[in-house]
Protein backbone atom coordinates (compact mmCIF):
# COMPACT_ATOMS: atom_id res chain seq x y z
CA MET A 1 112.01 56.24 103.03
CA LYS A 2 115.50 55.05 102.01
CA LYS A 3 114.51 51.43 102.65
CA THR A 4 111.33 51.90 100.60
CA LEU A 5 113.27 53.35 97.67
CA LYS A 6 115.75 50.48 97.83
CA TYR A 7 112.90 47.95 97.72
CA ILE A 8 111.38 49.74 94.71
CA LYS A 9 114.75 49.94 92.95
CA LYS A 10 115.42 46.27 93.62
CA TYR A 11 111.96 44.76 93.07
CA GLY A 12 109.94 47.35 91.13
CA VAL A 13 106.18 47.22 91.76
CA ASP A 14 106.70 44.21 94.03
CA GLY A 15 109.00 46.41 96.11
CA ILE A 16 106.12 48.81 96.77
CA ILE A 17 103.96 45.90 97.97
CA ILE A 18 106.73 44.55 100.20
CA SER A 19 107.47 47.95 101.72
CA THR A 20 103.77 48.67 102.32
CA LYS A 21 103.22 45.32 104.05
CA LEU A 22 106.22 45.90 106.31
CA LYS A 23 105.10 49.45 107.14
CA TRP A 24 101.55 48.46 108.09
CA GLY A 25 102.39 45.22 109.86
CA ASN A 26 100.90 42.88 107.26
CA THR A 27 103.80 40.47 107.61
CA LYS A 28 102.22 37.01 107.76
CA LYS A 29 102.86 36.37 104.07
CA ILE A 30 105.61 38.32 102.32
CA SER A 31 106.32 37.32 98.72
CA ILE A 32 109.64 38.30 97.17
CA PRO A 33 110.63 38.07 93.50
CA ASN A 34 113.02 35.15 92.85
CA VAL A 35 112.18 33.62 96.25
CA SER A 36 110.17 30.46 95.71
CA HIS A 37 107.83 30.65 98.69
CA PRO A 38 106.30 33.40 100.89
CA ILE A 39 107.93 34.29 104.20
CA CYS A 40 106.20 34.82 107.55
CA LEU A 41 107.51 37.54 109.89
CA ARG A 42 106.40 38.57 113.38
CA ASN A 43 105.28 42.17 113.38
CA ASP A 44 107.06 44.67 115.67
CA THR A 45 110.01 42.34 116.24
CA SER A 46 113.61 42.15 115.08
CA ASP A 47 112.34 39.88 112.27
CA ILE A 48 111.74 43.05 110.26
CA ASN A 49 115.33 44.27 110.58
CA THR A 50 116.66 40.81 109.76
CA PHE A 51 114.47 40.76 106.65
CA HIS A 52 115.83 44.19 105.60
CA GLN A 53 119.42 43.03 106.05
CA ILE A 54 118.99 39.87 103.99
CA PHE A 55 116.51 40.79 101.25
CA ASN A 56 117.10 44.55 100.95
CA ALA A 57 120.74 45.13 101.87
CA LEU A 58 121.63 41.64 100.54
CA GLU A 59 124.22 41.08 103.24
CA TYR A 60 124.66 37.42 102.23
CA ASP A 61 125.18 38.18 98.55
CA ILE A 62 128.77 36.94 98.54
CA ARG A 63 130.67 36.33 95.32
CA LEU A 64 132.20 32.87 95.28
CA ASP A 65 134.20 31.11 92.58
CA PHE A 66 132.52 27.79 93.38
CA SER A 67 128.96 26.51 93.66
CA PRO A 68 128.21 25.67 97.32
CA GLN A 69 126.89 22.19 98.02
CA THR A 70 126.97 22.22 101.84
CA ILE A 71 125.93 25.11 104.09
CA ILE A 72 125.64 25.36 107.87
CA ASP A 73 123.51 28.26 109.11
CA ALA A 74 124.59 28.62 112.75
CA GLY A 75 122.15 30.92 114.51
CA ALA A 76 119.45 30.50 111.89
CA ASN A 77 116.82 32.54 113.78
CA ILE A 78 113.56 32.29 111.77
CA GLY A 79 115.26 30.90 108.68
CA LEU A 80 115.71 33.98 106.49
CA ALA A 81 119.39 33.40 105.68
CA SER A 82 118.66 29.73 104.99
CA ILE A 83 115.86 30.75 102.62
CA TYR A 84 118.18 33.18 100.86
CA PHE A 85 120.81 30.46 100.44
CA ALA A 86 118.21 27.86 99.38
CA ASN A 87 117.06 30.09 96.53
CA LYS A 88 120.53 31.18 95.47
CA TYR A 89 122.03 27.67 95.78
CA PRO A 90 119.13 25.22 95.20
CA ALA A 91 121.48 22.23 94.96
CA ALA A 92 123.02 22.88 98.38
CA LYS A 93 122.22 20.95 101.55
CA ILE A 94 121.54 23.50 104.30
CA ILE A 95 121.58 22.66 108.01
CA ALA A 96 119.82 25.45 109.90
CA VAL A 97 120.73 25.46 113.61
CA GLU A 98 118.68 27.56 116.07
CA PRO A 99 118.45 27.17 119.88
CA GLU A 100 115.40 29.28 120.84
CA SER A 101 111.96 27.62 120.63
CA ALA A 102 109.81 30.43 119.20
CA ASN A 103 112.41 31.28 116.58
CA PHE A 104 112.85 27.60 115.76
CA ASN A 105 109.11 27.03 115.30
CA LEU A 106 108.93 29.88 112.78
CA LEU A 107 112.14 28.64 111.16
CA LYS A 108 110.44 25.28 110.56
CA LYS A 109 107.37 26.98 109.11
CA ASN A 110 109.34 29.26 106.81
CA THR A 111 111.66 26.54 105.51
CA ALA A 112 109.09 23.72 105.27
CA PRO A 113 108.69 24.11 101.46
CA TYR A 114 112.45 23.78 100.98
CA LYS A 115 113.44 20.13 100.95
CA ASN A 116 117.14 21.03 101.03
CA VAL A 117 116.87 22.87 104.39
CA TYR A 118 117.19 20.76 107.55
CA PRO A 119 116.22 22.58 110.78
CA LEU A 120 118.08 21.53 113.93
CA LYS A 121 117.17 22.76 117.42
CA ARG A 122 120.56 22.94 119.09
CA ALA A 123 123.11 25.50 120.24
CA ILE A 124 126.39 25.51 118.33
CA SER A 125 129.33 25.17 120.71
CA ASN A 126 132.84 23.80 121.09
CA GLU A 127 131.54 21.01 123.36
CA SER A 128 128.71 18.56 122.76
CA ASP A 129 125.87 17.35 124.98
CA GLN A 130 125.96 20.34 127.32
CA TYR A 131 122.73 21.99 128.45
CA LEU A 132 122.62 25.78 128.23
CA HIS A 133 120.11 28.35 129.39
CA ILE A 134 118.59 30.56 126.69
CA VAL A 135 118.54 34.10 128.04
CA ASP A 136 116.74 37.25 126.91
CA ASP A 137 119.03 40.20 127.65
CA GLY A 138 116.80 42.65 125.82
CA TYR A 139 118.32 42.42 122.34
CA GLY A 140 115.11 41.20 120.72
CA GLU A 141 114.24 37.97 118.94
CA TRP A 142 117.51 38.04 117.02
CA GLY A 143 119.60 38.42 120.18
CA PHE A 144 118.85 35.51 122.52
CA MET A 145 122.06 34.40 124.26
CA THR A 146 123.12 31.07 125.70
CA HIS A 147 124.81 30.57 129.08
CA PRO A 148 125.93 27.47 131.01
CA LYS A 149 123.26 26.49 133.51
CA SER A 150 125.80 26.36 136.32
CA HIS A 151 126.91 29.97 135.67
CA SER A 152 123.60 31.54 134.75
CA GLN A 153 122.30 34.10 137.25
CA HIS A 154 119.88 35.66 134.77
CA LYS A 155 116.21 36.13 135.56
CA ASN A 156 114.99 36.28 131.95
CA ILE A 157 115.55 32.62 131.12
CA LYS A 158 113.54 31.49 128.10
CA GLY A 159 114.37 27.80 128.29
CA SER A 160 117.27 25.41 127.81
CA VAL A 161 118.91 23.72 124.86
CA LYS A 162 121.47 21.01 124.18
CA THR A 163 124.75 21.85 122.45
CA ILE A 164 126.20 20.35 119.30
CA THR A 165 129.62 20.83 117.73
CA ILE A 166 130.27 21.63 114.10
CA GLU A 167 132.30 18.44 113.78
CA GLU A 168 129.24 16.46 114.94
CA ILE A 169 127.10 18.14 112.28
CA ILE A 170 129.68 17.22 109.65
CA LYS A 171 129.73 13.56 110.73
CA GLU A 172 125.96 13.18 111.23
CA ASN A 173 125.26 14.60 107.77
CA ASN A 174 128.19 12.95 105.99
CA LEU A 175 129.49 16.29 104.77
CA PRO A 176 132.79 16.12 102.88
CA CYS A 177 133.40 19.78 103.70
CA ILE A 178 131.55 22.99 104.61
CA ASP A 179 131.23 25.29 101.61
CA ILE A 180 129.59 28.10 103.60
CA LEU A 181 129.54 28.42 107.38
CA LYS A 182 127.36 31.34 108.42
CA ILE A 183 127.81 32.24 112.11
CA ASP A 184 125.51 34.65 113.94
CA ILE A 185 125.32 33.23 117.47
CA GLU A 186 125.11 36.30 119.70
CA GLY A 187 128.47 36.12 121.46
CA ALA A 188 128.74 32.32 121.62
CA GLU A 189 131.47 32.59 118.99
CA LYS A 190 133.76 33.19 121.98
CA GLU A 191 133.28 29.59 123.15
CA LEU A 192 133.03 28.16 119.62
CA PHE A 193 136.57 29.28 118.81
CA ASP A 194 137.96 28.38 122.23
CA SER A 195 138.76 24.76 121.35
CA ASN A 196 137.93 21.82 119.07
CA PHE A 197 138.02 23.89 115.89
CA HIS A 198 141.07 22.63 113.95
CA ASP A 199 139.40 19.83 111.98
CA TRP A 200 136.32 21.69 110.81
CA ILE A 201 138.01 25.01 109.99
CA ALA A 202 140.37 23.19 107.64
CA LYS A 203 137.28 21.77 105.87
CA THR A 204 135.50 25.13 105.58
CA ARG A 205 135.71 27.11 102.34
CA CYS A 206 133.84 30.28 103.34
CA ILE A 207 133.01 31.70 106.79
CA ILE A 208 130.47 34.51 107.10
CA ILE A 209 130.42 35.76 110.68
CA GLU A 210 128.90 38.57 112.72
CA LEU A 211 130.88 39.27 115.89
CA HIS A 212 129.24 40.39 119.14
CA ASP A 213 131.73 41.99 121.51
CA ASN A 214 128.89 44.23 122.69
CA MET A 215 127.13 41.11 124.00
CA LYS A 216 130.12 39.10 125.21
CA LYS A 217 133.55 40.60 125.78
CA GLY A 218 136.37 38.75 124.07
CA ALA A 219 134.20 37.26 121.31
CA SER A 220 136.11 38.88 118.46
CA GLN A 221 139.48 38.25 120.11
CA SER A 222 138.68 34.54 120.35
CA PHE A 223 137.75 34.41 116.66
CA PHE A 224 140.67 36.44 115.27
CA LYS A 225 143.19 34.49 117.35
CA VAL A 226 142.04 31.32 115.61
CA ILE A 227 141.42 32.56 112.06
CA SER A 228 144.89 34.13 111.90
CA GLN A 229 146.35 30.62 112.07
CA TYR A 230 144.83 29.74 108.70
CA ASN A 231 145.15 30.99 105.13
CA PHE A 232 141.90 32.94 104.77
CA SER A 233 141.39 36.13 102.78
CA TYR A 234 139.08 38.74 104.28
CA SER A 235 136.31 41.05 103.09
CA HIS A 236 133.37 42.85 104.65
CA ARG A 237 129.66 43.01 103.78
CA GLY A 238 127.23 44.91 105.98
CA GLU A 239 127.58 43.65 109.55
CA ASN A 240 129.27 40.47 108.34
CA LEU A 241 132.93 39.58 108.01
CA VAL A 242 133.63 37.22 105.12
CA PHE A 243 136.61 34.84 105.09
CA ILE A 244 137.56 32.70 102.08
CA ASN A 245 139.85 29.71 102.57
CA ASN A 246 142.73 30.06 100.09
CA ASP A 247 143.81 26.45 100.65
CA ASN A 248 140.53 24.89 99.48
């Protein structure tokens, strides 16, 4: 009921339609005011909760004193954050990185109308050209994890994916800097902030990150050890930690 009331308060009559579609599983084509194109969700999956977080709770509605031109969506899932950013910052180039095949296919479908969103099927890591297993540990479609093939003893392997570093994304796309780096990579932030981070962190103006110690021990420790070396200010929005680079 609270979610329904929030949709109505936020979107009026359209909020009633959105809430009704979500309740009854009519999720193939969800239209949202001020969002240019309809969104497709998979019924009875974590897509619904992700949708609530982004378009109801507005967890990526971050106040910035600059207009972002370059955005990396690391752990893009089915593209909802990228769609939010594409509508809020239509001039921005958005690289949406997602490792899992089913999520990536829906990401491509959802972002196809947005010419400023560039889907990339890779796993963000601190090392390039490594092959990782994609593992389902029961967290739902928003919680697929990646593990090195040599160390993976898991039975619920969904496939494999090649890694890419943030520095590679910067070079391949000729990015002068990263205005927004959104990170939601299900514990892989532990490895991401293990090494090879100095160059790209210095070029990053805003980091929005969700940490996953519940999925991989030491993930938050790895991140905070690194971020404390730089001049970032901190705030909090929903499940996300927001860091603004005071030197850029």
